Amino acid sequence: MALATAAYAPATALQFDASRIQQAAQARYGQRGAQAVSRWMVMLSQHRGAPESQQLRAVNDFWNSAVRGGEDRHIWAQPDYWATPLETLGKQAGDCEDFVIGKYFSLVHMGVPAEKLRLIYVRARIGGMGSSTTIAHMVLGYYATPDADPLVLDNLMGSITSASQRRDLTPVFSFNAQGIYVAGSTAASPDRIGHWRNLLAKMQKEGFQP
């Protein structure tokens, strides 16, 4: 998977009102949902300040194990819905975007600069090397340096691998809080993505400050 280099720009860490988020989880999803959110916050606290390689593994493992994969039409009765981390943990189910959103905001909260991370739309080949069947998919990319071969965090795989090793993935475009990137160039503001705007608005109501 060939990806363009990242361009770094200043960004701030994700802050949140832990008590408010816990109360929201309890009210919406009961004890089970509140416990899932509590486990997430414990993980964030335990690994905050750790080396970024350790944070990547902890976050990838947490979300891949805490959430079961599903489709929005079954989970939310909608064709395409971007859930907040609280919503995903409350349901303990999500599609590929929800895994990526949870991992992205977890790492930003831990102190990983948001400019090192990108939400990447890809076409994922399924059915083995000889297959021509692809599906729309999203993964999280981590750039240790702006020109690095990014690491890929994917809910379809337990391990974190470099993009160059993921020959089953073909990038379409990527984005983060700084912009939308197509073919190596900044194409637009992420505000152009309606789902992203709605996601941030929902998170603010829940007690996050993205």
N, C-alpha and C. Protein backbone atom coordinates (compact mmCIF):
# COMPACT_ATOMS: atom_id res chain seq x y z
N MET A 1 0.86 -1.19 0.00
CA MET A 1 0.00 0.00 0.00
C MET A 1 0.88 1.23 0.00
N ALA A 2 0.92 1.96 -1.10
CA ALA A 2 1.76 3.15 -1.20
C ALA A 2 0.98 4.36 -0.69
N LEU A 3 1.55 5.03 0.32
CA LEU A 3 0.89 6.20 0.89
C LEU A 3 1.80 7.41 0.81
N ALA A 4 1.20 8.56 0.66
CA ALA A 4 1.98 9.79 0.60
C ALA A 4 2.54 10.14 1.97
N THR A 5 3.59 10.94 2.00
CA THR A 5 4.17 11.37 3.26
C THR A 5 3.24 12.33 3.96
N ALA A 6 3.42 12.43 5.26
CA ALA A 6 2.58 13.30 6.07
C ALA A 6 3.21 14.67 6.23
N ALA A 7 2.39 15.68 6.34
CA ALA A 7 2.86 17.03 6.61
C ALA A 7 2.42 17.40 8.02
N TYR A 8 3.37 17.70 8.87
CA TYR A 8 3.05 17.95 10.27
C TYR A 8 2.66 19.40 10.51
N ALA A 9 1.70 19.59 11.40
CA ALA A 9 1.24 20.92 11.80
C ALA A 9 0.86 20.84 13.26
N PRO A 10 0.87 21.97 13.98
CA PRO A 10 0.56 21.92 15.40
C PRO A 10 -0.82 21.34 15.68
N ALA A 11 -0.93 20.60 16.78
CA ALA A 11 -2.22 20.03 17.19
C ALA A 11 -2.22 19.88 18.69
N THR A 12 -3.40 19.85 19.28
CA THR A 12 -3.52 19.72 20.72
C THR A 12 -4.09 18.36 21.08
N ALA A 13 -3.84 17.91 22.29
CA ALA A 13 -4.33 16.62 22.74
C ALA A 13 -5.82 16.68 23.02
N LEU A 14 -6.48 15.54 22.89
CA LEU A 14 -7.90 15.44 23.19
C LEU A 14 -8.10 15.48 24.70
N GLN A 15 -8.95 16.36 25.16
CA GLN A 15 -9.28 16.46 26.57
C GLN A 15 -10.73 16.00 26.77
N PHE A 16 -11.04 15.52 27.96
CA PHE A 16 -12.42 15.16 28.21
C PHE A 16 -12.75 15.19 29.69
N ASP A 17 -14.04 15.31 29.95
CA ASP A 17 -14.58 15.30 31.30
C ASP A 17 -14.94 13.86 31.63
N ALA A 18 -14.05 13.17 32.34
CA ALA A 18 -14.23 11.73 32.60
C ALA A 18 -15.52 11.44 33.33
N SER A 19 -15.85 12.25 34.33
CA SER A 19 -17.06 12.02 35.11
C SER A 19 -18.30 12.16 34.25
N ARG A 20 -18.33 13.16 33.41
CA ARG A 20 -19.49 13.39 32.54
C ARG A 20 -19.67 12.25 31.54
N ILE A 21 -18.54 11.76 31.01
CA ILE A 21 -18.60 10.68 30.03
C ILE A 21 -19.07 9.39 30.70
N GLN A 22 -18.60 9.13 31.92
CA GLN A 22 -19.04 7.94 32.65
C GLN A 22 -20.54 8.01 32.93
N GLN A 23 -21.02 9.18 33.31
CA GLN A 23 -22.45 9.34 33.58
C GLN A 23 -23.27 9.11 32.31
N ALA A 24 -22.78 9.62 31.18
CA ALA A 24 -23.48 9.44 29.92
C ALA A 24 -23.53 7.96 29.53
N ALA A 25 -22.42 7.25 29.74
CA ALA A 25 -22.37 5.83 29.42
C ALA A 25 -23.35 5.05 30.28
N GLN A 26 -23.40 5.38 31.57
CA GLN A 26 -24.31 4.69 32.49
C GLN A 26 -25.76 4.94 32.10
N ALA A 27 -26.07 6.20 31.78
CA ALA A 27 -27.45 6.57 31.46
C ALA A 27 -27.93 5.90 30.16
N ARG A 28 -27.05 5.83 29.18
CA ARG A 28 -27.45 5.30 27.87
C ARG A 28 -27.38 3.78 27.79
N TYR A 29 -26.33 3.22 28.37
CA TYR A 29 -26.04 1.80 28.12
C TYR A 29 -26.00 0.94 29.39
N GLY A 30 -26.28 1.55 30.54
CA GLY A 30 -26.32 0.77 31.76
C GLY A 30 -24.93 0.41 32.28
N GLN A 31 -24.89 -0.51 33.22
CA GLN A 31 -23.65 -0.87 33.88
C GLN A 31 -22.62 -1.46 32.92
N ARG A 32 -23.10 -2.26 31.99
CA ARG A 32 -22.18 -2.89 31.04
C ARG A 32 -21.45 -1.85 30.20
N GLY A 33 -22.18 -0.86 29.73
CA GLY A 33 -21.56 0.20 28.94
C GLY A 33 -20.61 1.05 29.77
N ALA A 34 -21.03 1.37 31.00
CA ALA A 34 -20.19 2.17 31.88
C ALA A 34 -18.89 1.45 32.20
N GLN A 35 -18.96 0.14 32.39
CA GLN A 35 -17.75 -0.63 32.67
C GLN A 35 -16.80 -0.66 31.48
N ALA A 36 -17.35 -0.74 30.28
CA ALA A 36 -16.52 -0.73 29.08
C ALA A 36 -15.78 0.61 28.95
N VAL A 37 -16.49 1.71 29.21
CA VAL A 37 -15.86 3.02 29.17
C VAL A 37 -14.81 3.15 30.26
N SER A 38 -15.10 2.61 31.44
CA SER A 38 -14.15 2.64 32.55
C SER A 38 -12.87 1.89 32.19
N ARG A 39 -13.00 0.73 31.55
CA ARG A 39 -11.82 -0.03 31.14
C ARG A 39 -11.00 0.75 30.12
N TRP A 40 -11.68 1.47 29.23
CA TRP A 40 -10.98 2.30 28.25
C TRP A 40 -10.17 3.39 28.95
N MET A 41 -10.78 4.06 29.92
CA MET A 41 -10.08 5.14 30.61
C MET A 41 -8.90 4.63 31.43
N VAL A 42 -9.04 3.44 31.99
CA VAL A 42 -7.92 2.84 32.72
C VAL A 42 -6.76 2.59 31.76
N MET A 43 -7.06 2.05 30.59
CA MET A 43 -6.03 1.79 29.59
C MET A 43 -5.34 3.08 29.17
N LEU A 44 -6.12 4.13 28.95
CA LEU A 44 -5.54 5.42 28.57
C LEU A 44 -4.60 5.93 29.64
N SER A 45 -5.02 5.84 30.89
CA SER A 45 -4.21 6.32 32.01
C SER A 45 -2.93 5.51 32.16
N GLN A 46 -3.03 4.21 32.01
CA GLN A 46 -1.88 3.33 32.20
C GLN A 46 -0.78 3.59 31.17
N HIS A 47 -1.15 3.97 29.97
CA HIS A 47 -0.17 4.08 28.89
C HIS A 47 0.15 5.52 28.49
N ARG A 48 -0.48 6.48 29.15
CA ARG A 48 -0.18 7.87 28.84
C ARG A 48 1.26 8.16 29.23
N GLY A 49 2.03 8.73 28.33
CA GLY A 49 3.43 9.02 28.60
C GLY A 49 4.38 7.89 28.23
N ALA A 50 3.84 6.74 27.84
CA ALA A 50 4.68 5.61 27.42
C ALA A 50 5.23 5.88 26.02
N PRO A 51 6.25 5.12 25.59
CA PRO A 51 6.73 5.26 24.21
C PRO A 51 5.59 5.05 23.22
N GLU A 52 5.63 5.77 22.11
CA GLU A 52 4.53 5.70 21.16
C GLU A 52 4.33 4.29 20.61
N SER A 53 5.40 3.53 20.46
CA SER A 53 5.24 2.15 19.97
C SER A 53 4.41 1.32 20.93
N GLN A 54 4.59 1.55 22.24
CA GLN A 54 3.81 0.84 23.24
C GLN A 54 2.36 1.31 23.23
N GLN A 55 2.16 2.60 23.06
CA GLN A 55 0.80 3.14 23.01
C GLN A 55 0.04 2.57 21.81
N LEU A 56 0.71 2.47 20.67
CA LEU A 56 0.06 1.91 19.49
C LEU A 56 -0.42 0.49 19.74
N ARG A 57 0.44 -0.33 20.33
CA ARG A 57 0.06 -1.72 20.60
C ARG A 57 -1.09 -1.80 21.59
N ALA A 58 -1.01 -0.99 22.66
CA ALA A 58 -2.05 -1.03 23.69
C ALA A 58 -3.41 -0.62 23.13
N VAL A 59 -3.41 0.44 22.35
CA VAL A 59 -4.67 0.94 21.78
C VAL A 59 -5.23 -0.03 20.75
N ASN A 60 -4.37 -0.54 19.88
CA ASN A 60 -4.83 -1.49 18.87
C ASN A 60 -5.41 -2.74 19.52
N ASP A 61 -4.72 -3.26 20.52
CA ASP A 61 -5.20 -4.46 21.21
C ASP A 61 -6.51 -4.20 21.93
N PHE A 62 -6.60 -3.04 22.59
CA PHE A 62 -7.82 -2.75 23.36
C PHE A 62 -9.04 -2.72 22.44
N TRP A 63 -8.99 -1.92 21.40
CA TRP A 63 -10.17 -1.76 20.55
C TRP A 63 -10.50 -3.03 19.78
N ASN A 64 -9.47 -3.74 19.34
CA ASN A 64 -9.74 -4.98 18.59
C ASN A 64 -10.36 -6.07 19.47
N SER A 65 -10.11 -5.99 20.78
CA SER A 65 -10.66 -7.01 21.68
C SER A 65 -11.96 -6.56 22.36
N ALA A 66 -12.13 -5.24 22.56
CA ALA A 66 -13.29 -4.73 23.29
C ALA A 66 -14.54 -4.60 22.42
N VAL A 67 -14.34 -4.56 21.10
CA VAL A 67 -15.44 -4.29 20.18
C VAL A 67 -15.54 -5.42 19.16
N ARG A 68 -16.74 -5.86 18.90
CA ARG A 68 -16.93 -6.86 17.85
C ARG A 68 -17.33 -6.16 16.56
N GLY A 69 -16.84 -6.67 15.45
CA GLY A 69 -17.14 -6.07 14.17
C GLY A 69 -18.57 -6.30 13.74
N GLY A 70 -19.14 -5.30 13.10
CA GLY A 70 -20.51 -5.41 12.61
C GLY A 70 -20.78 -4.37 11.54
N GLU A 71 -22.00 -4.27 11.11
CA GLU A 71 -22.40 -3.30 10.09
C GLU A 71 -23.37 -2.30 10.69
N ASP A 72 -23.28 -1.07 10.20
CA ASP A 72 -24.12 0.00 10.74
C ASP A 72 -25.61 -0.33 10.64
N ARG A 73 -26.00 -0.99 9.58
CA ARG A 73 -27.43 -1.29 9.40
C ARG A 73 -27.95 -2.22 10.49
N HIS A 74 -27.06 -3.03 11.05
CA HIS A 74 -27.46 -3.90 12.14
C HIS A 74 -27.30 -3.23 13.50
N ILE A 75 -26.21 -2.46 13.66
CA ILE A 75 -25.90 -1.84 14.96
C ILE A 75 -26.76 -0.61 15.21
N TRP A 76 -26.90 0.24 14.18
CA TRP A 76 -27.57 1.53 14.35
C TRP A 76 -28.81 1.69 13.49
N ALA A 77 -29.15 0.67 12.71
CA ALA A 77 -30.30 0.74 11.80
C ALA A 77 -30.17 1.91 10.83
N GLN A 78 -28.91 2.19 10.41
CA GLN A 78 -28.61 3.23 9.44
C GLN A 78 -27.60 2.70 8.45
N PRO A 79 -27.60 3.20 7.21
CA PRO A 79 -26.65 2.69 6.23
C PRO A 79 -25.21 3.09 6.51
N ASP A 80 -25.01 4.25 7.12
CA ASP A 80 -23.64 4.72 7.39
C ASP A 80 -23.67 5.65 8.60
N TYR A 81 -23.08 5.21 9.70
CA TYR A 81 -23.12 5.99 10.95
C TYR A 81 -21.75 5.96 11.58
N TRP A 82 -21.21 7.14 11.91
CA TRP A 82 -19.92 7.23 12.60
C TRP A 82 -20.19 7.41 14.09
N ALA A 83 -19.85 6.40 14.85
CA ALA A 83 -20.10 6.40 16.29
C ALA A 83 -18.96 7.04 17.05
N THR A 84 -19.28 7.70 18.15
CA THR A 84 -18.25 8.22 19.04
C THR A 84 -17.64 7.04 19.81
N PRO A 85 -16.47 7.22 20.42
CA PRO A 85 -15.91 6.15 21.24
C PRO A 85 -16.88 5.67 22.32
N LEU A 86 -17.60 6.61 22.94
CA LEU A 86 -18.57 6.23 23.97
C LEU A 86 -19.66 5.34 23.37
N GLU A 87 -20.18 5.71 22.21
CA GLU A 87 -21.24 4.93 21.58
C GLU A 87 -20.75 3.53 21.20
N THR A 88 -19.56 3.47 20.64
CA THR A 88 -19.02 2.17 20.23
C THR A 88 -18.81 1.27 21.43
N LEU A 89 -18.26 1.81 22.52
CA LEU A 89 -18.06 1.00 23.71
C LEU A 89 -19.38 0.66 24.38
N GLY A 90 -20.34 1.56 24.30
CA GLY A 90 -21.66 1.27 24.86
C GLY A 90 -22.31 0.09 24.16
N LYS A 91 -22.21 0.06 22.83
CA LYS A 91 -22.77 -1.04 22.05
C LYS A 91 -21.82 -2.24 22.04
N GLN A 92 -20.53 -1.97 22.28
CA GLN A 92 -19.47 -2.98 22.18
C GLN A 92 -19.51 -3.63 20.80
N ALA A 93 -19.82 -2.81 19.80
CA ALA A 93 -19.87 -3.25 18.41
C ALA A 93 -19.64 -2.04 17.52
N GLY A 94 -19.04 -2.27 16.36
CA GLY A 94 -18.80 -1.18 15.44
C GLY A 94 -18.30 -1.68 14.10
N ASP A 95 -18.34 -0.79 13.10
CA ASP A 95 -17.75 -1.14 11.81
C ASP A 95 -16.34 -0.55 11.75
N CYS A 96 -15.70 -0.63 10.60
CA CYS A 96 -14.28 -0.26 10.51
C CYS A 96 -14.03 1.19 10.91
N GLU A 97 -14.94 2.10 10.53
CA GLU A 97 -14.76 3.50 10.91
C GLU A 97 -14.76 3.68 12.42
N ASP A 98 -15.60 2.94 13.10
CA ASP A 98 -15.71 3.09 14.55
C ASP A 98 -14.45 2.62 15.26
N PHE A 99 -13.85 1.53 14.78
CA PHE A 99 -12.57 1.09 15.32
C PHE A 99 -11.51 2.17 15.14
N VAL A 100 -11.45 2.75 13.95
CA VAL A 100 -10.44 3.76 13.64
C VAL A 100 -10.65 5.01 14.49
N ILE A 101 -11.90 5.44 14.62
CA ILE A 101 -12.20 6.62 15.44
C ILE A 101 -11.77 6.39 16.88
N GLY A 102 -12.10 5.23 17.43
CA GLY A 102 -11.70 4.93 18.81
C GLY A 102 -10.19 4.94 18.98
N LYS A 103 -9.46 4.36 18.03
CA LYS A 103 -8.01 4.30 18.12
C LYS A 103 -7.39 5.69 17.94
N TYR A 104 -7.93 6.45 16.99
CA TYR A 104 -7.40 7.80 16.73
C TYR A 104 -7.50 8.68 17.97
N PHE A 105 -8.69 8.77 18.54
CA PHE A 105 -8.86 9.66 19.68
C PHE A 105 -8.20 9.12 20.94
N SER A 106 -8.04 7.81 21.05
CA SER A 106 -7.29 7.25 22.18
C SER A 106 -5.84 7.71 22.12
N LEU A 107 -5.23 7.60 20.96
CA LEU A 107 -3.82 7.97 20.81
C LEU A 107 -3.61 9.47 20.99
N VAL A 108 -4.53 10.26 20.46
CA VAL A 108 -4.42 11.72 20.62
C VAL A 108 -4.51 12.09 22.10
N HIS A 109 -5.44 11.43 22.83
CA HIS A 109 -5.56 11.71 24.26
C HIS A 109 -4.29 11.33 25.00
N MET A 110 -3.63 10.27 24.60
CA MET A 110 -2.39 9.83 25.25
C MET A 110 -1.23 10.77 24.98
N GLY A 111 -1.40 11.65 24.00
CA GLY A 111 -0.34 12.60 23.71
C GLY A 111 0.34 12.42 22.37
N VAL A 112 -0.10 11.42 21.58
CA VAL A 112 0.45 11.26 20.25
C VAL A 112 -0.04 12.42 19.39
N PRO A 113 0.86 13.17 18.76
CA PRO A 113 0.41 14.30 17.93
C PRO A 113 -0.57 13.86 16.86
N ALA A 114 -1.69 14.57 16.75
CA ALA A 114 -2.72 14.20 15.78
C ALA A 114 -2.18 14.21 14.37
N GLU A 115 -1.16 15.04 14.09
CA GLU A 115 -0.61 15.11 12.75
C GLU A 115 0.18 13.85 12.37
N LYS A 116 0.47 13.00 13.34
CA LYS A 116 1.14 11.73 13.03
C LYS A 116 0.14 10.64 12.64
N LEU A 117 -1.14 10.96 12.73
CA LEU A 117 -2.19 9.97 12.51
C LEU A 117 -3.09 10.37 11.34
N ARG A 118 -3.52 9.37 10.58
CA ARG A 118 -4.49 9.63 9.52
C ARG A 118 -5.51 8.51 9.46
N LEU A 119 -6.75 8.91 9.26
CA LEU A 119 -7.82 7.97 8.99
C LEU A 119 -7.79 7.73 7.48
N ILE A 120 -7.58 6.50 7.06
CA ILE A 120 -7.30 6.20 5.66
C ILE A 120 -8.40 5.33 5.06
N TYR A 121 -9.08 5.86 4.04
CA TYR A 121 -10.02 5.06 3.27
C TYR A 121 -9.22 4.21 2.28
N VAL A 122 -9.53 2.92 2.22
CA VAL A 122 -8.84 2.01 1.32
C VAL A 122 -9.84 1.09 0.64
N ARG A 123 -9.38 0.43 -0.42
CA ARG A 123 -10.05 -0.73 -0.96
C ARG A 123 -9.25 -1.93 -0.46
N ALA A 124 -9.91 -2.83 0.24
CA ALA A 124 -9.24 -3.99 0.82
C ALA A 124 -9.57 -5.23 0.01
N ARG A 125 -8.53 -5.92 -0.46
CA ARG A 125 -8.75 -7.16 -1.20
C ARG A 125 -9.06 -8.28 -0.24
N ILE A 126 -10.10 -9.02 -0.52
CA ILE A 126 -10.47 -10.16 0.32
C ILE A 126 -10.46 -11.42 -0.53
N GLY A 127 -10.24 -12.55 0.11
CA GLY A 127 -10.28 -13.81 -0.62
C GLY A 127 -8.92 -14.34 -1.04
N GLY A 128 -7.83 -13.71 -0.55
CA GLY A 128 -6.50 -14.23 -0.86
C GLY A 128 -5.81 -13.48 -1.99
N MET A 129 -4.55 -13.88 -2.25
CA MET A 129 -3.69 -13.17 -3.21
C MET A 129 -4.27 -13.16 -4.62
N GLY A 130 -4.91 -14.23 -5.03
CA GLY A 130 -5.42 -14.28 -6.40
C GLY A 130 -6.77 -13.65 -6.59
N SER A 131 -7.36 -13.15 -5.53
CA SER A 131 -8.70 -12.61 -5.61
C SER A 131 -8.71 -11.20 -6.20
N SER A 132 -9.76 -10.88 -6.91
CA SER A 132 -9.95 -9.52 -7.43
C SER A 132 -11.09 -8.81 -6.71
N THR A 133 -11.62 -9.44 -5.67
CA THR A 133 -12.73 -8.87 -4.92
C THR A 133 -12.22 -7.90 -3.87
N THR A 134 -12.78 -6.70 -3.84
CA THR A 134 -12.37 -5.70 -2.86
C THR A 134 -13.59 -5.13 -2.16
N ILE A 135 -13.35 -4.61 -0.97
CA ILE A 135 -14.41 -3.95 -0.21
C ILE A 135 -13.91 -2.59 0.25
N ALA A 136 -14.83 -1.67 0.49
CA ALA A 136 -14.47 -0.38 1.08
C ALA A 136 -14.12 -0.61 2.54
N HIS A 137 -13.05 0.02 3.00
CA HIS A 137 -12.55 -0.24 4.36
C HIS A 137 -11.84 1.01 4.85
N MET A 138 -11.65 1.11 6.16
CA MET A 138 -10.88 2.21 6.74
C MET A 138 -9.89 1.65 7.75
N VAL A 139 -8.68 2.20 7.75
CA VAL A 139 -7.63 1.84 8.71
C VAL A 139 -7.04 3.12 9.27
N LEU A 140 -6.27 2.97 10.35
CA LEU A 140 -5.57 4.12 10.93
C LEU A 140 -4.10 4.02 10.58
N GLY A 141 -3.55 5.10 10.06
CA GLY A 141 -2.13 5.15 9.73
C GLY A 141 -1.38 6.01 10.73
N TYR A 142 -0.18 5.52 11.13
CA TYR A 142 0.69 6.25 12.06
C TYR A 142 2.02 6.52 11.37
N TYR A 143 2.40 7.81 11.32
CA TYR A 143 3.65 8.24 10.71
C TYR A 143 4.63 8.65 11.81
N ALA A 144 5.68 7.87 12.04
CA ALA A 144 6.68 8.23 13.05
C ALA A 144 7.38 9.53 12.68
N THR A 145 7.61 9.74 11.39
CA THR A 145 8.16 10.98 10.85
C THR A 145 7.36 11.30 9.59
N PRO A 146 7.41 12.55 9.12
CA PRO A 146 6.58 12.91 7.96
C PRO A 146 6.82 12.05 6.72
N ASP A 147 8.04 11.57 6.51
CA ASP A 147 8.33 10.77 5.31
C ASP A 147 8.43 9.28 5.59
N ALA A 148 7.98 8.84 6.75
CA ALA A 148 8.08 7.44 7.13
C ALA A 148 7.07 6.58 6.38
N ASP A 149 7.40 5.29 6.25
CA ASP A 149 6.44 4.30 5.81
C ASP A 149 5.47 4.12 6.98
N PRO A 150 4.21 4.52 6.83
CA PRO A 150 3.31 4.49 8.00
C PRO A 150 3.01 3.07 8.47
N LEU A 151 2.71 2.97 9.76
CA LEU A 151 2.21 1.73 10.33
C LEU A 151 0.70 1.72 10.22
N VAL A 152 0.13 0.54 10.03
CA VAL A 152 -1.31 0.41 9.80
C VAL A 152 -1.94 -0.33 10.97
N LEU A 153 -2.93 0.32 11.60
CA LEU A 153 -3.73 -0.30 12.66
C LEU A 153 -5.07 -0.67 12.04
N ASP A 154 -5.41 -1.96 12.09
CA ASP A 154 -6.54 -2.47 11.33
C ASP A 154 -7.32 -3.45 12.20
N ASN A 155 -8.63 -3.30 12.24
CA ASN A 155 -9.42 -4.24 13.03
C ASN A 155 -9.51 -5.62 12.40
N LEU A 156 -9.09 -5.76 11.14
CA LEU A 156 -9.10 -7.06 10.48
C LEU A 156 -7.85 -7.87 10.78
N MET A 157 -6.85 -7.24 11.40
CA MET A 157 -5.60 -7.92 11.73
C MET A 157 -5.22 -7.60 13.17
N GLY A 158 -4.68 -8.58 13.88
CA GLY A 158 -4.26 -8.34 15.25
C GLY A 158 -2.95 -7.60 15.35
N SER A 159 -2.08 -7.80 14.36
CA SER A 159 -0.74 -7.19 14.41
C SER A 159 -0.73 -5.85 13.69
N ILE A 160 0.21 -5.01 14.07
CA ILE A 160 0.43 -3.72 13.41
C ILE A 160 1.54 -3.91 12.38
N THR A 161 1.29 -3.57 11.14
CA THR A 161 2.27 -3.76 10.08
C THR A 161 2.50 -2.45 9.34
N SER A 162 3.59 -2.39 8.60
CA SER A 162 3.86 -1.21 7.79
C SER A 162 2.97 -1.22 6.56
N ALA A 163 2.70 -0.03 6.03
CA ALA A 163 1.84 0.07 4.85
C ALA A 163 2.42 -0.68 3.67
N SER A 164 3.74 -0.69 3.54
CA SER A 164 4.37 -1.37 2.41
C SER A 164 4.15 -2.87 2.44
N GLN A 165 3.85 -3.41 3.61
CA GLN A 165 3.57 -4.84 3.73
C GLN A 165 2.12 -5.19 3.43
N ARG A 166 1.26 -4.19 3.43
CA ARG A 166 -0.19 -4.44 3.24
C ARG A 166 -0.54 -4.31 1.76
N ARG A 167 -0.13 -5.30 0.99
CA ARG A 167 -0.40 -5.28 -0.44
C ARG A 167 -1.87 -5.56 -0.76
N ASP A 168 -2.61 -5.92 0.28
CA ASP A 168 -4.04 -6.14 0.09
C ASP A 168 -4.84 -4.86 0.18
N LEU A 169 -4.19 -3.74 0.52
CA LEU A 169 -4.88 -2.47 0.69
C LEU A 169 -4.46 -1.47 -0.38
N THR A 170 -5.43 -0.81 -0.97
CA THR A 170 -5.17 0.25 -1.95
C THR A 170 -5.77 1.55 -1.42
N PRO A 171 -4.93 2.55 -1.07
CA PRO A 171 -5.47 3.78 -0.50
C PRO A 171 -6.29 4.58 -1.49
N VAL A 172 -7.34 5.22 -0.99
CA VAL A 172 -8.19 6.09 -1.79
C VAL A 172 -7.93 7.55 -1.41
N PHE A 173 -8.13 7.87 -0.14
CA PHE A 173 -7.73 9.17 0.41
C PHE A 173 -7.64 9.04 1.91
N SER A 174 -7.04 10.03 2.55
CA SER A 174 -6.89 10.01 4.00
C SER A 174 -7.18 11.39 4.56
N PHE A 175 -7.40 11.45 5.87
CA PHE A 175 -7.62 12.75 6.50
C PHE A 175 -7.30 12.65 7.98
N ASN A 176 -7.10 13.83 8.57
CA ASN A 176 -6.98 13.98 10.02
C ASN A 176 -7.52 15.36 10.37
N ALA A 177 -7.25 15.82 11.57
CA ALA A 177 -7.80 17.11 12.00
C ALA A 177 -7.24 18.28 11.20
N GLN A 178 -6.11 18.05 10.49
CA GLN A 178 -5.49 19.13 9.73
C GLN A 178 -5.99 19.25 8.30
N GLY A 179 -6.47 18.15 7.71
CA GLY A 179 -6.91 18.25 6.33
C GLY A 179 -7.24 16.91 5.72
N ILE A 180 -7.70 16.97 4.46
CA ILE A 180 -7.96 15.80 3.64
C ILE A 180 -6.82 15.69 2.64
N TYR A 181 -6.31 14.48 2.44
CA TYR A 181 -5.14 14.28 1.58
C TYR A 181 -5.49 13.31 0.46
N VAL A 182 -5.21 13.74 -0.77
CA VAL A 182 -5.44 12.92 -1.95
C VAL A 182 -4.18 12.97 -2.80
N ALA A 183 -3.63 11.80 -3.09
CA ALA A 183 -2.44 11.70 -3.96
C ALA A 183 -1.30 12.59 -3.45
N GLY A 184 -1.14 12.64 -2.14
CA GLY A 184 0.00 13.34 -1.56
C GLY A 184 -0.20 14.82 -1.32
N SER A 185 -1.33 15.37 -1.71
CA SER A 185 -1.57 16.81 -1.55
C SER A 185 -2.79 17.04 -0.66
N THR A 186 -2.77 18.18 0.05
CA THR A 186 -3.92 18.56 0.86
C THR A 186 -5.02 19.04 -0.06
N ALA A 187 -6.15 18.34 -0.03
CA ALA A 187 -7.23 18.64 -0.98
C ALA A 187 -8.28 19.57 -0.39
N ALA A 188 -8.50 19.48 0.93
CA ALA A 188 -9.57 20.27 1.54
C ALA A 188 -9.48 20.16 3.06
N SER A 189 -10.30 20.94 3.73
CA SER A 189 -10.43 20.86 5.17
C SER A 189 -11.26 19.64 5.54
N PRO A 190 -10.96 18.99 6.69
CA PRO A 190 -11.80 17.86 7.10
C PRO A 190 -13.24 18.26 7.38
N ASP A 191 -13.50 19.55 7.55
CA ASP A 191 -14.87 20.01 7.75
C ASP A 191 -15.77 19.71 6.55
N ARG A 192 -15.13 19.42 5.41
CA ARG A 192 -15.91 19.07 4.22
C ARG A 192 -16.56 17.70 4.38
N ILE A 193 -16.07 16.89 5.33
CA ILE A 193 -16.62 15.56 5.55
C ILE A 193 -17.74 15.69 6.58
N GLY A 194 -18.97 15.53 6.14
CA GLY A 194 -20.11 15.73 7.03
C GLY A 194 -20.11 14.80 8.22
N HIS A 195 -19.74 13.55 8.03
CA HIS A 195 -19.70 12.60 9.14
C HIS A 195 -18.70 13.04 10.20
N TRP A 196 -17.59 13.64 9.78
CA TRP A 196 -16.57 14.12 10.72
C TRP A 196 -17.11 15.28 11.55
N ARG A 197 -17.76 16.22 10.90
CA ARG A 197 -18.37 17.36 11.62
C ARG A 197 -19.37 16.85 12.64
N ASN A 198 -20.23 15.95 12.22
CA ASN A 198 -21.26 15.43 13.13
C ASN A 198 -20.64 14.67 14.30
N LEU A 199 -19.57 13.92 14.00
CA LEU A 199 -18.89 13.15 15.05
C LEU A 199 -18.33 14.09 16.12
N LEU A 200 -17.65 15.15 15.72
CA LEU A 200 -17.07 16.08 16.68
C LEU A 200 -18.15 16.77 17.50
N ALA A 201 -19.26 17.11 16.86
CA ALA A 201 -20.36 17.75 17.59
C ALA A 201 -20.93 16.81 18.64
N LYS A 202 -21.10 15.53 18.29
CA LYS A 202 -21.61 14.56 19.26
C LYS A 202 -20.63 14.37 20.41
N MET A 203 -19.35 14.32 20.10
CA MET A 203 -18.35 14.11 21.14
C MET A 203 -18.32 15.27 22.13
N GLN A 204 -18.48 16.48 21.63
CA GLN A 204 -18.50 17.64 22.52
C GLN A 204 -19.67 17.56 23.48
N LYS A 205 -20.81 17.11 23.01
CA LYS A 205 -21.99 16.98 23.89
C LYS A 205 -21.77 15.91 24.95
N GLU A 206 -20.94 14.92 24.66
CA GLU A 206 -20.67 13.84 25.59
C GLU A 206 -19.62 14.21 26.65
N GLY A 207 -18.89 15.29 26.42
CA GLY A 207 -17.86 15.69 27.38
C GLY A 207 -16.45 15.70 26.84
N PHE A 208 -16.31 15.36 25.55
CA PHE A 208 -14.99 15.43 24.90
C PHE A 208 -14.76 16.84 24.39
N GLN A 209 -13.49 17.17 24.23
CA GLN A 209 -13.12 18.46 23.64
C GLN A 209 -12.17 18.19 22.49
N PRO A 210 -12.66 17.66 21.36
CA PRO A 210 -11.79 17.32 20.22
C PRO A 210 -11.31 18.56 19.50
